[in-house]
Amino acid sequence: MKNIINQLKGTVIVSVQAMPSEPLYLEKCMAAMMKSVVTGGASALRVAGVRDVKNAKKLFDVPIIGITKPNIIPKNWKEIVYITPTIKDVIDLIEAGADIIACDGTQRKRPNGEKLEDLIKYIHINKRLAMADVSTLEEGIEAEKAGADIISTTLAGYTLESSSSPSDGPDFGLLEQLVKNTKKPVVLEGRIWEPEQVDKAFELGAHCVVIGSAITRPQLITKRFVFRNKKN
């Protein structure tokens, strides 16, 4: 497992995800997108759901980070745990072949009264790595105590507890705090749109960087250009 962590150091991981309501959610589209980013140099893939984890493992020889999330994101998404919330979700991802299981690493209540540390224990029993997606420094510290192998800024700005997080770019402040106050590899993820932001992340001590929308969400990339054009 440590070999995977070492393998990811200083690299860019690409999150290849789409909601069922989006055109790219088609299985062949997601597989093509994964192939495109791996060909482009992605060191690993972060994908959602059993289907895409299985396909990623079958098609590519790179580490696969697996998550689960609902087909429709609830309106109160800032208040609830919806990224790999239960042990059942962890089991599904392990059986699908994920090398790293990413879970909501916040301190919010999980379904069925389950605890983050219980999910992490189950991940470790099955010889996989646990990534904790957090939104604050306190959550990162608690996730480390719970046994997380990797801590990611994924949820910064996407929880009520992180309302002060920047809305137009990565939370470099949280990255810097986590690097200084935890001993685990820290990943920068969330609102990364420019290569210079990747450079800055590594300067601040990021172990690796996860990029999603800027590479794999055409509708959001298009909106950025259209919105800019209307402003000008």
C-alpha atoms as a PDB file:
ATOM      1  CA  MET A   1       0.000   0.000   0.000  1.00  0.00           C
ATOM      2  CA  LYS A   2       2.887   2.364   0.765  1.00  0.00           C
ATOM      3  CA  ASN A   3       4.145   1.759  -2.772  1.00  0.00           C
ATOM      4  CA  ILE A   4       0.967   3.321  -4.153  1.00  0.00           C
ATOM      5  CA  ILE A   5       1.366   6.376  -1.937  1.00  0.00           C
ATOM      6  CA  ASN A   6       4.967   6.774  -3.084  1.00  0.00           C
ATOM      7  CA  GLN A   7       3.908   6.286  -6.693  1.00  0.00           C
ATOM      8  CA  LEU A   8       1.465   9.201  -6.450  1.00  0.00           C
ATOM      9  CA  LYS A   9       3.921  11.695  -4.968  1.00  0.00           C
ATOM     10  CA  GLY A  10       4.295  14.802  -7.131  1.00  0.00           C
ATOM     11  CA  THR A  11       1.706  13.687  -9.678  1.00  0.00           C
ATOM     12  CA  VAL A  12      -1.680  14.712 -11.051  1.00  0.00           C
ATOM     13  CA  ILE A  13      -4.679  12.438 -10.534  1.00  0.00           C
ATOM     14  CA  VAL A  14      -7.767  12.979 -12.670  1.00  0.00           C
ATOM     15  CA  SER A  15     -11.309  12.614 -11.377  1.00  0.00           C
ATOM     16  CA  VAL A  16     -13.464  11.150 -14.149  1.00  0.00           C
ATOM     17  CA  GLN A  17     -17.077  11.397 -13.076  1.00  0.00           C
ATOM     18  CA  ALA A  18     -20.492  12.256 -14.471  1.00  0.00           C
ATOM     19  CA  MET A  19     -23.984  12.204 -13.037  1.00  0.00           C
ATOM     20  CA  PRO A  20     -26.529   9.771 -14.550  1.00  0.00           C
ATOM     21  CA  SER A  21     -28.430  12.760 -15.932  1.00  0.00           C
ATOM     22  CA  GLU A  22     -25.409  13.889 -17.995  1.00  0.00           C
ATOM     23  CA  PRO A  23     -24.596  12.677 -21.549  1.00  0.00           C
ATOM     24  CA  LEU A  24     -21.081  11.524 -20.647  1.00  0.00           C
ATOM     25  CA  TYR A  25     -22.406   9.104 -18.024  1.00  0.00           C
ATOM     26  CA  LEU A  26     -22.779   6.450 -20.743  1.00  0.00           C
ATOM     27  CA  GLU A  27     -20.413   3.582 -19.978  1.00  0.00           C
ATOM     28  CA  LYS A  28     -18.492   3.863 -23.254  1.00  0.00           C
ATOM     29  CA  CYS A  29     -18.127   7.619 -22.773  1.00  0.00           C
ATOM     30  CA  MET A  30     -16.686   7.273 -19.294  1.00  0.00           C
ATOM     31  CA  ALA A  31     -14.285   4.570 -20.465  1.00  0.00           C
ATOM     32  CA  ALA A  32     -13.143   6.793 -23.343  1.00  0.00           C
ATOM     33  CA  MET A  33     -12.644   9.722 -20.979  1.00  0.00           C
ATOM     34  CA  MET A  34     -10.575   7.576 -18.623  1.00  0.00           C
ATOM     35  CA  LYS A  35      -8.431   6.358 -21.520  1.00  0.00           C
ATOM     36  CA  SER A  36      -7.911   9.940 -22.697  1.00  0.00           C
ATOM     37  CA  VAL A  37      -6.640  11.239 -19.362  1.00  0.00           C
ATOM     38  CA  VAL A  38      -4.430   8.211 -18.697  1.00  0.00           C
ATOM     39  CA  THR A  39      -2.933   8.668 -22.164  1.00  0.00           C
ATOM     40  CA  GLY A  40      -2.374  12.313 -21.236  1.00  0.00           C
ATOM     41  CA  GLY A  41      -0.375  11.364 -18.154  1.00  0.00           C
ATOM     42  CA  ALA A  42      -2.807  11.008 -15.258  1.00  0.00           C
ATOM     43  CA  SER A  43      -1.061   9.005 -12.534  1.00  0.00           C
ATOM     44  CA  ALA A  44      -4.324   7.621 -11.149  1.00  0.00           C
ATOM     45  CA  LEU A  45      -8.086   7.876 -11.592  1.00  0.00           C
ATOM     46  CA  ARG A  46     -10.775   8.905  -9.127  1.00  0.00           C
ATOM     47  CA  VAL A  47     -14.089   7.437 -10.241  1.00  0.00           C
ATOM     48  CA  ALA A  48     -17.562   7.044  -8.807  1.00  0.00           C
ATOM     49  CA  GLY A  49     -19.576   3.874  -8.568  1.00  0.00           C
ATOM     50  CA  VAL A  50     -19.012   0.151  -8.964  1.00  0.00           C
ATOM     51  CA  ARG A  51     -19.425   0.183 -12.749  1.00  0.00           C
ATOM     52  CA  ASP A  52     -16.668   2.698 -13.384  1.00  0.00           C
ATOM     53  CA  VAL A  53     -14.321   1.273 -10.757  1.00  0.00           C
ATOM     54  CA  LYS A  54     -14.585  -2.167 -12.384  1.00  0.00           C
ATOM     55  CA  ASN A  55     -13.982  -0.740 -15.853  1.00  0.00           C
ATOM     56  CA  ALA A  56     -11.042   1.355 -14.674  1.00  0.00           C
ATOM     57  CA  LYS A  57      -9.377  -1.659 -13.042  1.00  0.00           C
ATOM     58  CA  LYS A  58      -9.963  -3.792 -16.114  1.00  0.00           C
ATOM     59  CA  LEU A  59      -8.692  -1.238 -18.611  1.00  0.00           C
ATOM     60  CA  PHE A  60      -5.814   0.575 -16.899  1.00  0.00           C
ATOM     61  CA  ASP A  61      -2.699  -0.194 -14.908  1.00  0.00           C
ATOM     62  CA  VAL A  62      -2.893   2.844 -12.619  1.00  0.00           C
ATOM     63  CA  PRO A  63      -4.173   3.183  -9.028  1.00  0.00           C
ATOM     64  CA  ILE A  64      -7.925   3.618  -8.816  1.00  0.00           C
ATOM     65  CA  ILE A  65      -9.574   5.788  -6.167  1.00  0.00           C
ATOM     66  CA  GLY A  66     -13.192   4.746  -5.745  1.00  0.00           C
ATOM     67  CA  ILE A  67     -16.126   6.586  -4.225  1.00  0.00           C
ATOM     68  CA  THR A  68     -19.868   6.176  -4.138  1.00  0.00           C
ATOM     69  CA  LYS A  69     -22.390   8.978  -4.252  1.00  0.00           C
ATOM     70  CA  PRO A  70     -26.151   9.213  -4.914  1.00  0.00           C
ATOM     71  CA  ASN A  71     -27.518   9.390  -8.451  1.00  0.00           C
ATOM     72  CA  ILE A  72     -29.187  12.661  -7.514  1.00  0.00           C
ATOM     73  CA  ILE A  73     -27.371  14.965  -5.103  1.00  0.00           C
ATOM     74  CA  PRO A  74     -29.820  16.098  -2.361  1.00  0.00           C
ATOM     75  CA  LYS A  75     -30.680  19.777  -2.023  1.00  0.00           C
ATOM     76  CA  ASN A  76     -29.180  19.792   1.490  1.00  0.00           C
ATOM     77  CA  TRP A  77     -25.875  18.404   0.217  1.00  0.00           C
ATOM     78  CA  LYS A  78     -23.824  20.817   2.323  1.00  0.00           C
ATOM     79  CA  GLU A  79     -25.325  19.349   5.473  1.00  0.00           C
ATOM     80  CA  ILE A  80     -25.042  15.591   4.896  1.00  0.00           C
ATOM     81  CA  VAL A  81     -22.519  12.836   4.304  1.00  0.00           C
ATOM     82  CA  TYR A  82     -22.985  11.475   0.781  1.00  0.00           C
ATOM     83  CA  ILE A  83     -19.498  10.441  -0.410  1.00  0.00           C
ATOM     84  CA  THR A  84     -19.011   6.761   0.490  1.00  0.00           C
ATOM     85  CA  PRO A  85     -21.149   7.130   3.619  1.00  0.00           C
ATOM     86  CA  THR A  86     -21.474   3.509   4.828  1.00  0.00           C
ATOM     87  CA  ILE A  87     -19.561   0.267   5.256  1.00  0.00           C
ATOM     88  CA  LYS A  88     -21.771  -1.254   2.558  1.00  0.00           C
ATOM     89  CA  ASP A  89     -20.461   1.368   0.143  1.00  0.00           C
ATOM     90  CA  VAL A  90     -16.917   0.509   1.189  1.00  0.00           C
ATOM     91  CA  ILE A  91     -17.588  -3.205   0.615  1.00  0.00           C
ATOM     92  CA  ASP A  92     -18.992  -2.503  -2.853  1.00  0.00           C
ATOM     93  CA  LEU A  93     -15.897  -0.511  -3.843  1.00  0.00           C
ATOM     94  CA  ILE A  94     -13.506  -3.116  -2.447  1.00  0.00           C
ATOM     95  CA  GLU A  95     -15.276  -5.879  -4.367  1.00  0.00           C
ATOM     96  CA  ALA A  96     -15.117  -3.717  -7.504  1.00  0.00           C
ATOM     97  CA  GLY A  97     -11.326  -3.518  -7.108  1.00  0.00           C
ATOM     98  CA  ALA A  98     -10.598   0.021  -5.913  1.00  0.00           C
ATOM     99  CA  ASP A  99      -7.056   0.462  -4.581  1.00  0.00           C
ATOM    100  CA  ILE A 100      -7.969   3.530  -2.525  1.00  0.00           C
ATOM    101  CA  ILE A 101     -11.377   4.125  -0.954  1.00  0.00           C
ATOM    102  CA  ALA A 102     -12.246   7.805  -0.517  1.00  0.00           C
ATOM    103  CA  CYS A 103     -14.825   8.630   2.163  1.00  0.00           C
ATOM    104  CA  ASP A 104     -16.360  11.769   3.571  1.00  0.00           C
ATOM    105  CA  GLY A 105     -13.884  12.510   6.348  1.00  0.00           C
ATOM    106  CA  THR A 106     -15.909  15.147   8.173  1.00  0.00           C
ATOM    107  CA  GLN A 107     -17.274  14.802  11.681  1.00  0.00           C
ATOM    108  CA  ARG A 108     -20.903  14.952  10.551  1.00  0.00           C
ATOM    109  CA  LYS A 109     -23.333  12.157  11.373  1.00  0.00           C
ATOM    110  CA  ARG A 110     -23.257   9.172   9.034  1.00  0.00           C
ATOM    111  CA  PRO A 111     -26.182   6.896   8.158  1.00  0.00           C
ATOM    112  CA  ASN A 112     -26.984   4.116  10.629  1.00  0.00           C
ATOM    113  CA  GLY A 113     -24.795   5.735  13.269  1.00  0.00           C
ATOM    114  CA  GLU A 114     -21.658   4.446  11.548  1.00  0.00           C
ATOM    115  CA  LYS A 115     -18.298   6.050  12.329  1.00  0.00           C
ATOM    116  CA  LEU A 116     -15.457   7.080  10.034  1.00  0.00           C
ATOM    117  CA  GLU A 117     -13.011   4.984  12.030  1.00  0.00           C
ATOM    118  CA  ASP A 118     -15.146   1.885  11.437  1.00  0.00           C
ATOM    119  CA  LEU A 119     -15.064   2.409   7.682  1.00  0.00           C
ATOM    120  CA  ILE A 120     -11.307   2.943   7.772  1.00  0.00           C
ATOM    121  CA  LYS A 121     -10.773  -0.222   9.840  1.00  0.00           C
ATOM    122  CA  TYR A 122     -12.730  -2.234   7.282  1.00  0.00           C
ATOM    123  CA  ILE A 123     -10.722  -0.687   4.443  1.00  0.00           C
ATOM    124  CA  HIS A 124      -7.476  -1.656   6.167  1.00  0.00           C
ATOM    125  CA  ILE A 125      -8.654  -5.179   6.964  1.00  0.00           C
ATOM    126  CA  ASN A 126      -9.080  -5.601   3.229  1.00  0.00           C
ATOM    127  CA  LYS A 127      -5.598  -4.189   2.572  1.00  0.00           C
ATOM    128  CA  ARG A 128      -6.726  -1.019   0.810  1.00  0.00           C
ATOM    129  CA  LEU A 129      -5.850   2.606   1.453  1.00  0.00           C
ATOM    130  CA  ALA A 130      -8.284   5.060   3.046  1.00  0.00           C
ATOM    131  CA  MET A 131      -8.553   8.625   1.772  1.00  0.00           C
ATOM    132  CA  ALA A 132     -10.461  11.115   3.939  1.00  0.00           C
ATOM    133  CA  ASP A 133     -12.183  13.960   2.099  1.00  0.00           C
ATOM    134  CA  VAL A 134     -12.288  16.871   4.551  1.00  0.00           C
ATOM    135  CA  SER A 135     -13.300  20.528   4.584  1.00  0.00           C
ATOM    136  CA  THR A 136     -11.473  21.928   7.644  1.00  0.00           C
ATOM    137  CA  LEU A 137      -8.218  21.510   9.536  1.00  0.00           C
ATOM    138  CA  GLU A 138     -10.029  20.033  12.542  1.00  0.00           C
ATOM    139  CA  GLU A 139     -11.614  17.377  10.336  1.00  0.00           C
ATOM    140  CA  GLY A 140      -8.229  16.517   8.877  1.00  0.00           C
ATOM    141  CA  ILE A 141      -6.698  16.089  12.323  1.00  0.00           C
ATOM    142  CA  GLU A 142      -9.580  13.858  13.425  1.00  0.00           C
ATOM    143  CA  ALA A 143      -9.379  11.845  10.206  1.00  0.00           C
ATOM    144  CA  GLU A 144      -5.711  11.204  10.866  1.00  0.00           C
ATOM    145  CA  LYS A 145      -6.585   9.991  14.362  1.00  0.00           C
ATOM    146  CA  ALA A 146      -9.227   7.711  12.832  1.00  0.00           C
ATOM    147  CA  GLY A 147      -6.527   6.057  10.739  1.00  0.00           C
ATOM    148  CA  ALA A 148      -6.815   7.713   7.315  1.00  0.00           C
ATOM    149  CA  ASP A 149      -3.805   7.074   5.089  1.00  0.00           C
ATOM    150  CA  ILE A 150      -4.351  10.156   2.913  1.00  0.00           C
ATOM    151  CA  ILE A 151      -6.128  13.435   3.618  1.00  0.00           C
ATOM    152  CA  SER A 152      -7.724  15.464   0.831  1.00  0.00           C
ATOM    153  CA  THR A 153      -9.180  18.978   0.700  1.00  0.00           C
ATOM    154  CA  THR A 154     -12.014  17.688  -1.513  1.00  0.00           C
ATOM    155  CA  LEU A 155     -14.879  19.071   0.586  1.00  0.00           C
ATOM    156  CA  ALA A 156     -13.442  22.522   1.345  1.00  0.00           C
ATOM    157  CA  GLY A 157     -16.182  24.994   0.499  1.00  0.00           C
ATOM    158  CA  TYR A 158     -18.782  22.266   0.137  1.00  0.00           C
ATOM    159  CA  THR A 159     -19.875  21.974   3.769  1.00  0.00           C
ATOM    160  CA  LEU A 160     -21.491  24.375   6.206  1.00  0.00           C
ATOM    161  CA  GLU A 161     -18.351  24.131   8.322  1.00  0.00           C
ATOM    162  CA  SER A 162     -16.176  25.467   5.491  1.00  0.00           C
ATOM    163  CA  SER A 163     -18.285  28.400   4.321  1.00  0.00           C
ATOM    164  CA  SER A 164     -15.243  30.704   4.483  1.00  0.00           C
ATOM    165  CA  SER A 165     -13.348  28.606   1.945  1.00  0.00           C
ATOM    166  CA  PRO A 166     -12.598  30.392  -1.387  1.00  0.00           C
ATOM    167  CA  SER A 167     -15.374  29.927  -3.920  1.00  0.00           C
ATOM    168  CA  ASP A 168     -13.339  30.722  -7.025  1.00  0.00           C
ATOM    169  CA  GLY A 169     -10.246  28.610  -6.527  1.00  0.00           C
ATOM    170  CA  PRO A 170      -8.491  25.930  -4.458  1.00  0.00           C
ATOM    171  CA  ASP A 171      -8.296  26.250  -0.686  1.00  0.00           C
ATOM    172  CA  PHE A 172      -4.549  26.711  -0.445  1.00  0.00           C
ATOM    173  CA  GLY A 173      -4.915  27.866   3.154  1.00  0.00           C
ATOM    174  CA  LEU A 174      -6.405  24.549   4.210  1.00  0.00           C
ATOM    175  CA  LEU A 175      -3.763  22.667   2.238  1.00  0.00           C
ATOM    176  CA  GLU A 176      -0.992  24.539   4.032  1.00  0.00           C
ATOM    177  CA  GLN A 177      -2.584  23.980   7.445  1.00  0.00           C
ATOM    178  CA  LEU A 178      -3.033  20.250   6.849  1.00  0.00           C
ATOM    179  CA  VAL A 179       0.550  19.860   5.652  1.00  0.00           C
ATOM    180  CA  LYS A 180       1.845  21.614   8.775  1.00  0.00           C
ATOM    181  CA  ASN A 181      -0.449  19.945  11.299  1.00  0.00           C
ATOM    182  CA  THR A 182      -0.767  16.337  10.117  1.00  0.00           C
ATOM    183  CA  LYS A 183       1.767  13.656   9.251  1.00  0.00           C
ATOM    184  CA  LYS A 184      -0.212  12.076   6.422  1.00  0.00           C
ATOM    185  CA  PRO A 185       0.126  12.803   2.708  1.00  0.00           C
ATOM    186  CA  VAL A 186      -2.170  15.721   1.847  1.00  0.00           C
ATOM    187  CA  VAL A 187      -3.946  15.997  -1.485  1.00  0.00           C
ATOM    188  CA  LEU A 188      -5.225  19.242  -2.994  1.00  0.00           C
ATOM    189  CA  GLU A 189      -8.584  18.746  -4.694  1.00  0.00           C
ATOM    190  CA  GLY A 190     -11.330  21.195  -5.563  1.00  0.00           C
ATOM    191  CA  ARG A 191     -11.709  24.135  -7.970  1.00  0.00           C
ATOM    192  CA  ILE A 192      -8.351  23.697  -9.701  1.00  0.00           C
ATOM    193  CA  TRP A 193      -8.503  25.332 -13.123  1.00  0.00           C
ATOM    194  CA  GLU A 194      -4.980  26.520 -13.961  1.00  0.00           C
ATOM    195  CA  PRO A 195      -1.572  24.768 -14.243  1.00  0.00           C
ATOM    196  CA  GLU A 196      -0.105  27.472 -12.011  1.00  0.00           C
ATOM    197  CA  GLN A 197      -2.413  26.325  -9.206  1.00  0.00           C
ATOM    198  CA  VAL A 198      -0.906  22.850  -9.459  1.00  0.00           C
ATOM    199  CA  ASP A 199       2.578  24.326  -9.169  1.00  0.00           C
ATOM    200  CA  LYS A 200       1.548  26.297  -6.101  1.00  0.00           C
ATOM    201  CA  ALA A 201       0.045  23.192  -4.492  1.00  0.00           C
ATOM    202  CA  PHE A 202       3.350  21.351  -4.731  1.00  0.00           C
ATOM    203  CA  GLU A 203       5.226  24.390  -3.429  1.00  0.00           C
ATOM    204  CA  LEU A 204       2.975  24.306  -0.348  1.00  0.00           C
ATOM    205  CA  GLY A 205       3.691  20.637   0.250  1.00  0.00           C
ATOM    206  CA  ALA A 206       0.859  18.783  -1.484  1.00  0.00           C
ATOM    207  CA  HIS A 207       1.634  15.103  -1.985  1.00  0.00           C
ATOM    208  CA  CYS A 208      -0.388  15.068  -5.188  1.00  0.00           C
ATOM    209  CA  VAL A 209      -3.236  16.949  -6.867  1.00  0.00           C
ATOM    210  CA  VAL A 210      -6.652  15.778  -8.052  1.00  0.00           C
ATOM    211  CA  ILE A 211      -8.221  17.649 -10.964  1.00  0.00           C
ATOM    212  CA  GLY A 212     -11.773  16.961 -12.095  1.00  0.00           C
ATOM    213  CA  SER A 213     -14.056  19.519 -13.718  1.00  0.00           C
ATOM    214  CA  ALA A 214     -11.311  21.465 -15.518  1.00  0.00           C
ATOM    215  CA  ILE A 215     -10.489  18.331 -17.507  1.00  0.00           C
ATOM    216  CA  THR A 216     -13.539  16.079 -17.561  1.00  0.00           C
ATOM    217  CA  ARG A 217     -16.687  18.232 -17.282  1.00  0.00           C
ATOM    218  CA  PRO A 218     -17.260  19.848 -20.727  1.00  0.00           C
ATOM    219  CA  GLN A 219     -20.446  21.597 -19.641  1.00  0.00           C
ATOM    220  CA  LEU A 220     -18.613  23.443 -16.860  1.00  0.00           C
ATOM    221  CA  ILE A 221     -15.627  24.268 -19.049  1.00  0.00           C
ATOM    222  CA  THR A 222     -17.998  25.677 -21.669  1.00  0.00           C
ATOM    223  CA  LYS A 223     -19.854  27.785 -19.101  1.00  0.00           C
ATOM    224  CA  ARG A 224     -16.585  29.421 -18.049  1.00  0.00           C
ATOM    225  CA  PHE A 225     -15.937  30.586 -21.609  1.00  0.00           C
ATOM    226  CA  VAL A 226     -19.535  31.620 -22.274  1.00  0.00           C
ATOM    227  CA  PHE A 227     -19.774  33.557 -19.004  1.00  0.00           C
ATOM    228  CA  ARG A 228     -16.461  35.307 -19.697  1.00  0.00           C
ATOM    229  CA  ASN A 229     -17.641  36.257 -23.181  1.00  0.00           C
ATOM    230  CA  LYS A 230     -20.874  37.774 -21.840  1.00  0.00           C
ATOM    231  CA  LYS A 231     -18.954  39.819 -19.267  1.00  0.00           C
ATOM    232  CA  ASN A 232     -16.721  41.252 -21.957  1.00  0.00           C
END
